[in-house]
């Protein structure tokens, strides 16, 4: 009869504990026994402390009720066993303290002490990468600064890119390079030690000065992606054509694209100028060495200027050769500028072809300067360009002398008079 009554009392207690109206008392009892049932409660708190506490409240209440249910069940069974034993053997006063480990709980998983929360239900721990978070928490996550994914300026990448930092130190004009398509992304993909440094060392080995490295890369950044064997092969070709090492270094410094062309193209260009101008190999090397961009630029302006000199200006073949050897820039000059200067010198100043051929520098002068000086000499009555007549004025001095020397030696006037005359034009 006593066993039946004990079971009945146990059922009544369990029903009362699981009743919603006893949730407040249940929470109080659970807190009171948190020291005794510490591991189960703390582990439950650890999982409940993550995520949204409001959404996890029903689960928290269920775990509290289940934990207390196991606590009371274990305590009651232990007490009943002791009472039954003492009924047979006699009363005992040394009843040992209750140990909840006799009935393990569901959540009693072994965890390191460092992972157990000691702050209670409000303690926050590091979120898992697979755990869902709210929008507010996502906004609050700080992201470390990194290279911008997209930008219109290379300046935004300089602090994060070693390659760009070193290029700026060399004097490379990034503002020029960022205007060209695909150049910025190419530079960001380059590794300085693997791609850039070997190319710079190669340029220094062939004689390029440090002060010209930034100029070369600013105008031809694609040289950084060239194979060193190809670069060496092109230098070897120029050397085989009897260009000295100093001349090759000077040509590369003034024509950054020179080493970006294949040996076949360089050979075709040299052959073109030698055949078109009917120059010797020595004179061809001289022209190309003084204006190395002839090997890099388009040939159409060169062909057009040669036809203009021969057909429109009326120069003979030997006169064209002499002009090109003296002033190679005539081959790449603007057709409009070349025509304007020749027309003024030949038709207005009445200078014949042979004198223009003798002083071809006049074709490379500034048109406005030439016009102002000629009109000033004409105003003074001293515009005389025939070497067979007195008071002869040569074309090279007319075009090249500074204003002060021009006034004192050629015009025999003061600089103020020349400036006043310019205001009347």
Protein backbone atom coordinates (compact mmCIF):
# COMPACT_ATOMS: atom_id res chain seq x y z
CA UNK A 1 0.00 0.00 0.00
CA UNK A 2 2.86 2.31 0.85
CA UNK A 3 4.45 1.70 -2.59
CA UNK A 4 1.19 2.56 -4.35
CA UNK A 5 0.87 5.79 -2.41
CA UNK A 6 4.45 6.71 -3.21
CA UNK A 7 3.86 6.30 -6.94
CA UNK A 8 0.68 8.32 -6.74
CA UNK A 9 2.44 11.15 -4.99
CA UNK A 10 5.20 11.10 -7.60
CA UNK A 11 2.70 11.39 -10.45
CA UNK A 12 0.95 14.28 -8.73
CA UNK A 13 4.25 16.09 -8.29
CA UNK A 14 5.22 15.61 -11.93
CA UNK A 15 1.86 16.85 -13.13
CA UNK A 16 2.12 19.86 -10.92
CA UNK A 17 5.63 20.66 -12.14
CA UNK A 18 4.66 20.47 -15.80
CA UNK A 19 1.61 22.70 -15.31
CA UNK A 20 1.93 26.21 -16.94
CA UNK A 21 0.76 27.93 -13.78
CA UNK A 22 3.77 26.60 -11.90
CA UNK A 23 6.30 27.96 -14.39
CA UNK A 24 7.31 30.76 -12.03
CA UNK A 25 7.88 28.36 -9.13
CA UNK A 26 9.69 26.00 -11.48
CA UNK A 27 12.11 28.74 -12.56
CA UNK A 28 12.78 29.59 -8.90
CA UNK A 29 13.44 25.96 -8.01
CA UNK A 30 15.72 25.62 -11.04
CA UNK A 31 17.78 28.63 -9.99
CA UNK A 32 18.02 27.33 -6.42
CA UNK A 33 19.39 24.01 -7.66
CA UNK A 34 21.74 25.55 -10.29
CA UNK A 35 24.76 24.73 -8.15
CA UNK A 36 23.73 21.12 -7.68
CA UNK A 37 22.69 20.54 -11.27
CA UNK A 38 25.34 22.97 -12.59
CA UNK A 39 26.60 21.07 -15.59
CA UNK A 40 23.20 20.47 -17.15
CA UNK A 41 22.02 24.03 -16.55
CA UNK A 42 25.22 25.67 -17.80
CA UNK A 43 25.34 23.60 -20.95
CA UNK A 44 21.71 24.45 -21.64
CA UNK A 45 22.51 28.12 -21.11
CA UNK A 46 25.40 27.86 -23.54
CA UNK A 47 23.19 26.78 -26.39
CA UNK A 48 20.39 29.14 -25.44
CA UNK A 49 22.72 32.16 -25.30
CA UNK A 50 23.21 32.14 -29.07
CA UNK A 51 20.92 33.70 -31.63
CA UNK A 52 17.61 35.35 -30.76
CA UNK A 53 16.74 34.99 -27.05
CA UNK A 54 13.07 35.85 -27.65
CA UNK A 55 12.64 33.12 -30.24
CA UNK A 56 14.38 30.57 -27.96
CA UNK A 57 12.16 31.27 -24.87
CA UNK A 58 9.78 28.27 -25.39
CA UNK A 59 12.76 25.94 -25.78
CA UNK A 60 14.32 27.43 -22.64
CA UNK A 61 11.15 26.82 -20.59
CA UNK A 62 10.94 23.24 -21.83
CA UNK A 63 14.56 22.53 -20.87
CA UNK A 64 14.04 24.05 -17.42
CA UNK A 65 10.97 21.93 -16.80
CA UNK A 66 12.67 18.75 -18.05
CA UNK A 67 15.77 19.41 -15.93
CA UNK A 68 13.74 19.96 -12.77
CA UNK A 69 11.66 16.89 -13.55
CA UNK A 70 14.78 14.75 -13.65
CA UNK A 71 16.08 16.40 -10.49
CA UNK A 72 12.95 15.63 -8.49
CA UNK A 73 12.68 12.11 -9.91
CA UNK A 74 16.26 11.31 -8.98
CA UNK A 75 15.87 12.77 -5.49
CA UNK A 76 12.62 10.93 -4.85
CA UNK A 77 13.88 7.56 -6.08
CA UNK A 78 17.02 7.91 -4.03
CA UNK A 79 15.04 8.81 -0.90
CA UNK A 80 12.59 5.93 -1.42
CA UNK A 81 15.47 3.47 -1.80
CA UNK A 82 17.06 4.69 1.42
CA UNK A 83 13.76 4.58 3.34
CA UNK A 84 13.09 1.03 2.13
CA UNK A 85 16.56 -0.05 3.20
CA UNK A 86 16.31 1.58 6.60
CA UNK A 87 12.93 -0.03 7.16
CA UNK A 88 14.64 -3.44 7.00
CA UNK A 89 17.92 -2.59 8.72
CA UNK A 90 16.78 0.05 11.15
CA UNK A 91 16.92 3.84 11.16
CA UNK A 92 20.16 5.62 10.07
CA UNK A 93 21.29 9.16 10.63
CA UNK A 94 24.30 9.23 8.27
CA UNK A 95 22.34 9.66 5.08
CA UNK A 96 24.82 10.84 2.42
CA UNK A 97 24.24 14.04 0.46
CA UNK A 98 22.28 13.68 -2.76
CA UNK A 99 24.40 13.46 -5.88
CA UNK A 100 22.56 14.21 -9.16
CA UNK A 101 25.08 12.21 -11.19
CA UNK A 102 23.06 9.05 -10.32
CA UNK A 103 20.60 10.01 -13.09
CA UNK A 104 22.39 11.64 -16.06
CA UNK A 105 20.52 14.34 -17.99
CA UNK A 106 20.07 14.55 -21.72
CA UNK A 107 22.28 17.62 -22.11
CA UNK A 108 25.09 16.39 -19.89
CA UNK A 109 27.80 16.53 -22.56
CA UNK A 110 31.46 16.92 -21.53
CA UNK A 111 32.79 20.38 -22.50
CA UNK A 112 35.99 22.23 -21.64
CA UNK A 113 35.65 24.75 -18.84
CA UNK A 114 36.65 27.59 -21.21
CA UNK A 115 33.58 26.96 -23.37
CA UNK A 116 31.06 27.03 -20.49
CA UNK A 117 29.30 30.36 -20.05
CA UNK A 118 29.61 31.81 -16.56
CA UNK A 119 27.68 35.02 -17.24
CA UNK A 120 24.27 33.36 -17.44
CA UNK A 121 21.70 33.47 -20.19
CA UNK A 122 22.79 36.90 -21.44
CA UNK A 123 26.39 35.90 -22.22
CA UNK A 124 27.31 36.22 -25.91
CA UNK A 125 29.78 33.91 -27.61
CA UNK A 126 31.42 33.88 -31.01
CA UNK A 127 28.91 33.09 -33.73
CA UNK A 128 29.29 30.04 -35.90
CA UNK A 129 29.79 30.51 -39.66
CA UNK A 130 26.73 28.31 -40.30
CA UNK A 131 24.43 30.02 -37.80
CA UNK A 132 21.74 32.40 -39.00
CA UNK A 133 21.89 35.94 -37.69
CA UNK A 134 19.45 38.83 -37.75
CA UNK A 135 19.69 41.83 -40.05
CA UNK A 136 20.68 44.07 -37.16
CA UNK A 137 23.60 41.79 -36.25
CA UNK A 138 24.69 41.57 -39.88
CA UNK A 139 24.81 45.36 -40.16
CA UNK A 140 26.92 45.57 -37.03
CA UNK A 141 29.63 43.21 -38.31
CA UNK A 142 32.83 45.10 -39.10
CA UNK A 143 34.78 44.14 -42.22
CA UNK A 144 38.54 44.85 -42.36
CA UNK A 145 39.66 47.21 -45.15
CA UNK A 146 40.89 45.56 -48.34
CA UNK A 147 41.63 46.42 -51.96
CA UNK A 148 38.60 48.14 -53.53
CA UNK A 149 36.81 45.84 -55.99
CA UNK A 150 36.47 48.59 -58.59
CA UNK A 151 37.80 52.11 -59.05
CA UNK A 152 38.40 54.66 -61.76
CA UNK A 153 41.78 55.66 -60.32
CA UNK A 154 44.89 53.68 -59.49
CA UNK A 155 45.46 56.00 -56.55
CA UNK A 156 42.95 53.95 -54.51
CA UNK A 157 45.16 50.86 -54.83
CA UNK A 158 48.59 52.34 -54.12
CA UNK A 159 48.50 51.70 -50.36
CA UNK A 160 47.51 48.02 -50.81
CA UNK A 161 49.71 47.19 -53.83
CA UNK A 162 53.46 46.85 -53.44
CA UNK A 163 53.90 47.02 -57.21
CA UNK A 164 52.13 50.38 -57.54
CA UNK A 165 53.98 51.76 -54.51
CA UNK A 166 57.38 50.90 -56.00
CA UNK A 167 56.39 52.23 -59.42
CA UNK A 168 55.40 55.56 -57.91
CA UNK A 169 58.77 55.71 -56.18
CA UNK A 170 60.44 55.18 -59.58
CA UNK A 171 58.59 58.18 -60.99
CA UNK A 172 55.90 56.38 -62.99
CA UNK A 173 52.94 58.62 -63.84
CA UNK A 174 49.95 56.51 -62.79
CA UNK A 175 47.53 59.22 -63.92
CA UNK A 176 48.69 58.63 -67.48
CA UNK A 177 48.40 54.86 -67.25
CA UNK A 178 44.91 54.80 -65.70
CA UNK A 179 43.53 56.57 -68.80
CA UNK A 180 44.49 53.61 -70.97
CA UNK A 181 42.18 50.60 -71.10
CA UNK A 182 43.24 47.40 -69.28
CA UNK A 183 46.55 48.89 -68.11
CA UNK A 184 45.44 49.38 -64.51
CA UNK A 185 44.22 45.80 -64.10
CA UNK A 186 47.44 44.51 -65.68
CA UNK A 187 49.60 46.43 -63.20
CA UNK A 188 47.58 45.14 -60.24
CA UNK A 189 48.13 41.55 -61.36
CA UNK A 190 51.90 41.99 -61.55
CA UNK A 191 54.12 40.94 -58.68
CA UNK A 192 56.98 43.36 -58.15
CA UNK A 193 59.67 40.82 -57.26
CA UNK A 194 58.60 38.29 -59.88
CA UNK A 195 57.60 40.51 -62.84
CA UNK A 196 58.78 44.10 -62.41
CA UNK A 197 62.18 43.83 -60.74
CA UNK A 198 63.76 41.55 -63.43
CA UNK A 199 62.68 43.94 -66.20
CA UNK A 200 64.11 46.94 -64.37
CA UNK A 201 67.40 45.14 -63.80
CA UNK A 202 67.56 44.25 -67.49
CA UNK A 203 67.09 47.88 -68.53
CA UNK A 204 69.83 48.95 -66.16
CA UNK A 205 72.17 46.27 -67.51
CA UNK A 206 71.85 47.56 -71.08
CA UNK A 207 72.73 51.08 -69.92
CA UNK A 208 69.41 52.82 -69.24
CA UNK A 209 69.77 55.42 -66.50
CA UNK A 210 67.67 55.24 -63.35
CA UNK A 211 66.06 58.59 -64.10
CA UNK A 212 64.61 57.22 -67.36
CA UNK A 213 62.98 54.08 -65.91
CA UNK A 214 59.85 55.94 -64.81
CA UNK A 215 59.56 57.61 -68.23
CA UNK A 216 59.81 54.28 -70.06
CA UNK A 217 57.17 52.53 -67.93
CA UNK A 218 54.86 55.57 -68.01
CA UNK A 219 54.77 55.40 -71.82
CA UNK A 220 55.10 51.64 -72.29
CA UNK A 221 53.88 49.68 -69.24
CA UNK A 222 53.58 46.54 -71.39
CA UNK A 223 57.35 46.15 -71.31
CA UNK A 224 56.89 44.78 -67.77
CA UNK A 225 55.05 41.77 -69.18
CA UNK A 226 57.62 41.05 -71.91
CA UNK A 227 59.77 37.93 -71.78
CA UNK A 228 63.36 38.76 -70.90
CA UNK A 229 64.65 36.44 -73.60
CA UNK A 230 62.71 38.40 -76.24
CA UNK A 231 64.04 41.69 -74.91
CA UNK A 232 67.59 40.40 -75.01
CA UNK A 233 67.12 39.10 -78.55
CA UNK A 234 66.03 42.56 -79.77
CA UNK A 235 68.98 44.23 -78.09
CA UNK A 236 71.29 41.67 -79.69
CA UNK A 237 69.81 42.42 -83.10
CA UNK A 238 70.43 46.15 -82.79
CA UNK A 239 73.98 45.43 -81.67
CA UNK A 240 74.49 43.15 -84.67
CA UNK A 241 73.47 46.08 -86.91
CA UNK A 242 76.44 47.99 -85.50
CA UNK A 243 74.51 50.16 -83.06
CA UNK A 244 76.79 50.77 -80.09
CA UNK A 245 75.69 49.85 -76.56
CA UNK A 246 75.45 53.53 -75.65
CA UNK A 247 73.31 54.20 -78.73
CA UNK A 248 70.97 51.30 -77.93
CA UNK A 249 70.52 52.55 -74.35
CA UNK A 250 69.81 56.06 -75.64
CA UNK A 251 67.33 54.75 -78.22
CA UNK A 252 65.45 52.69 -75.62
CA UNK A 253 65.35 55.67 -73.23
CA UNK A 254 63.84 57.96 -75.86
CA UNK A 255 61.62 55.39 -77.60
CA UNK A 256 60.00 53.26 -74.86
CA UNK A 257 58.21 51.00 -77.37
CA UNK A 258 61.39 50.07 -79.20
CA UNK A 259 61.96 46.77 -77.36
CA UNK A 260 58.29 45.79 -77.62
CA UNK A 261 58.64 45.03 -81.35
CA UNK A 262 59.93 41.79 -82.74
CA UNK A 263 63.28 41.41 -84.45
CA UNK A 264 61.52 40.90 -87.79
CA UNK A 265 59.68 44.21 -87.50
CA UNK A 266 62.83 46.10 -86.52
CA UNK A 267 64.66 44.62 -89.50
CA UNK A 268 61.81 45.57 -91.87
CA UNK A 269 61.80 49.16 -90.60
CA UNK A 270 65.52 49.59 -91.07
CA UNK A 271 65.25 48.18 -94.58
CA UNK A 272 62.35 50.51 -95.40
CA UNK A 273 64.24 53.71 -94.53
CA UNK A 274 67.35 52.58 -96.28
CA UNK A 275 65.45 51.81 -99.48
CA UNK A 276 63.03 54.77 -99.47
CA UNK A 277 65.69 57.37 -98.75
CA UNK A 278 68.40 55.51 -100.69
CA UNK A 279 70.81 56.01 -97.81
CA UNK A 280 73.89 54.07 -96.89
CA UNK A 281 73.85 51.78 -93.87
CA UNK A 282 75.84 54.32 -91.88
CA UNK A 283 73.47 57.20 -92.68
CA UNK A 284 70.45 54.99 -91.96
CA UNK A 285 71.84 54.15 -88.51
CA UNK A 286 72.51 57.84 -87.96
CA UNK A 287 68.93 58.85 -88.81
CA UNK A 288 67.37 56.09 -86.71
CA UNK A 289 69.68 56.69 -83.75
CA UNK A 290 68.74 60.38 -83.66
CA UNK A 291 65.02 59.67 -84.02
CA UNK A 292 64.42 56.09 -82.73
CA UNK A 293 60.64 56.45 -82.78
CA UNK A 294 60.91 55.97 -86.56
CA UNK A 295 61.16 52.27 -85.75
CA UNK A 296 58.05 52.35 -83.54
CA UNK A 297 55.49 54.64 -85.17
CA UNK A 298 53.35 54.29 -88.23
CA UNK A 299 54.97 54.50 -91.66
CA UNK A 300 52.06 56.33 -93.31
CA UNK A 301 53.07 59.85 -92.13
CA UNK A 302 56.62 59.15 -93.27
CA UNK A 303 55.52 58.11 -96.74
CA UNK A 304 53.19 61.11 -97.00
CA UNK A 305 55.88 63.64 -96.00
CA UNK A 306 58.33 62.16 -98.48
CA UNK A 307 55.78 62.58 -101.27
CA UNK A 308 54.98 66.14 -100.14
CA UNK A 309 58.66 67.10 -100.21
CA UNK A 310 59.14 65.63 -103.64
CA UNK A 311 55.88 66.46 -105.41
CA UNK A 312 54.44 69.57 -103.70
CA UNK A 313 57.66 71.26 -102.57
CA UNK A 314 59.69 70.25 -105.59
CA UNK A 315 62.82 69.02 -103.80
CA UNK A 316 65.13 66.64 -105.61
CA UNK A 317 66.05 63.22 -104.25
CA UNK A 318 69.50 64.27 -103.08
CA UNK A 319 68.02 67.38 -101.44
CA UNK A 320 65.52 65.25 -99.55
CA UNK A 321 68.34 62.99 -98.38
CA UNK A 322 70.30 65.96 -97.09
CA UNK A 323 67.24 67.40 -95.28
CA UNK A 324 66.40 64.05 -93.63
CA UNK A 325 69.98 63.41 -92.50
CA UNK A 326 70.19 66.90 -90.99
CA UNK A 327 66.63 67.07 -89.53
CA UNK A 328 65.06 63.57 -89.16
CA UNK A 329 61.97 65.13 -87.54
CA UNK A 330 60.87 66.27 -91.01
CA UNK A 331 59.76 62.69 -91.63
CA UNK A 332 57.29 62.73 -88.71
CA UNK A 333 56.29 66.41 -88.69
CA UNK A 334 52.72 67.50 -89.25
CA UNK A 335 51.96 67.91 -92.93
CA UNK A 336 50.05 71.11 -92.21
CA UNK A 337 52.93 72.67 -90.29
CA UNK A 338 55.51 71.55 -92.85
CA UNK A 339 53.48 72.98 -95.72
CA UNK A 340 52.84 76.25 -93.89
CA UNK A 341 56.51 76.89 -93.14
CA UNK A 342 57.73 75.94 -96.60
CA UNK A 343 55.13 78.12 -98.28
CA UNK A 344 56.08 81.14 -96.17
CA UNK A 345 59.85 80.69 -96.58
CA UNK A 346 59.79 79.91 -100.27
CA UNK A 347 56.95 82.10 -101.54
CA UNK A 348 56.90 85.03 -99.07
CA UNK A 349 60.56 85.28 -98.08
CA UNK A 350 61.65 84.28 -101.62
CA UNK A 351 64.21 81.74 -100.42
CA UNK A 352 65.17 79.21 -103.16
CA UNK A 353 65.25 75.43 -102.71
CA UNK A 354 69.00 75.11 -102.48
CA UNK A 355 69.18 77.57 -99.55
CA UNK A 356 66.39 75.73 -97.74
CA UNK A 357 68.32 72.50 -98.32
CA UNK A 358 71.45 74.14 -96.95
CA UNK A 359 69.62 75.33 -93.81
CA UNK A 360 66.90 72.70 -93.27
CA UNK A 361 66.52 73.76 -89.60
CA UNK A 362 64.07 76.39 -90.81
CA UNK A 363 61.57 73.62 -91.61
CA UNK A 364 61.62 72.58 -87.95
CA UNK A 365 61.18 76.08 -86.51
CA UNK A 366 58.08 77.76 -85.09
CA UNK A 367 56.00 79.42 -87.73
CA UNK A 368 54.89 82.42 -85.63
CA UNK A 369 58.45 83.25 -84.57
CA UNK A 370 59.68 83.00 -88.14
CA UNK A 371 56.84 85.20 -89.42
CA UNK A 372 57.27 87.92 -86.74
CA UNK A 373 61.02 88.19 -87.28
CA UNK A 374 60.76 88.32 -91.05
CA UNK A 375 58.08 91.05 -90.92
CA UNK A 376 60.18 93.06 -88.42
CA UNK A 377 63.26 92.83 -90.68
CA UNK A 378 61.11 93.74 -93.66
CA UNK A 379 59.78 96.76 -91.74
CA UNK A 380 63.37 97.84 -91.05
CA UNK A 381 64.41 97.13 -94.65
CA UNK A 382 66.84 94.39 -93.70
CA UNK A 383 65.07 91.26 -94.94
CA UNK A 384 67.92 90.07 -97.17
CA UNK A 385 68.50 86.30 -97.43
CA UNK A 386 70.73 86.06 -100.52
CA UNK A 387 74.32 85.13 -99.54
CA UNK A 388 75.66 86.89 -102.66
CA UNK A 389 74.32 90.31 -101.54
CA UNK A 390 75.45 92.52 -98.65
CA UNK A 391 73.70 92.42 -95.21
CA UNK A 392 72.99 88.73 -95.71
CA UNK A 393 70.95 87.01 -92.97
CA UNK A 394 71.14 83.22 -92.83
CA UNK A 395 68.02 81.17 -92.24
CA UNK A 396 69.47 79.17 -89.35
CA UNK A 397 70.29 82.31 -87.34
CA UNK A 398 66.94 83.82 -88.15
CA UNK A 399 65.14 80.77 -86.79
CA UNK A 400 67.36 79.81 -83.84
CA UNK A 401 68.72 82.96 -82.16
CA UNK A 402 67.05 84.28 -78.96
CA UNK A 403 65.05 87.50 -79.26
CA UNK A 404 67.68 89.70 -77.62
CA UNK A 405 70.54 88.54 -79.88
CA UNK A 406 68.29 88.67 -82.92
CA UNK A 407 67.49 92.33 -82.22
CA UNK A 408 71.08 93.44 -81.47
CA UNK A 409 72.94 91.45 -84.16
CA UNK A 410 70.50 91.00 -87.03
CA UNK A 411 67.86 93.75 -86.74
CA UNK A 412 70.16 96.37 -85.16
CA UNK A 413 67.27 97.46 -82.93
CA UNK A 414 66.26 97.28 -79.31
CA UNK A 415 64.22 94.52 -77.75
CA UNK A 416 61.53 97.05 -76.76
CA UNK A 417 61.13 98.07 -80.39
CA UNK A 418 60.62 94.46 -81.38
CA UNK A 419 57.99 93.96 -78.66
CA UNK A 420 56.15 97.10 -79.73
CA UNK A 421 56.16 95.88 -83.31
CA UNK A 422 54.71 92.54 -82.27
CA UNK A 423 51.71 94.34 -80.80
CA UNK A 424 50.91 95.81 -84.20
CA UNK A 425 50.61 92.41 -85.88
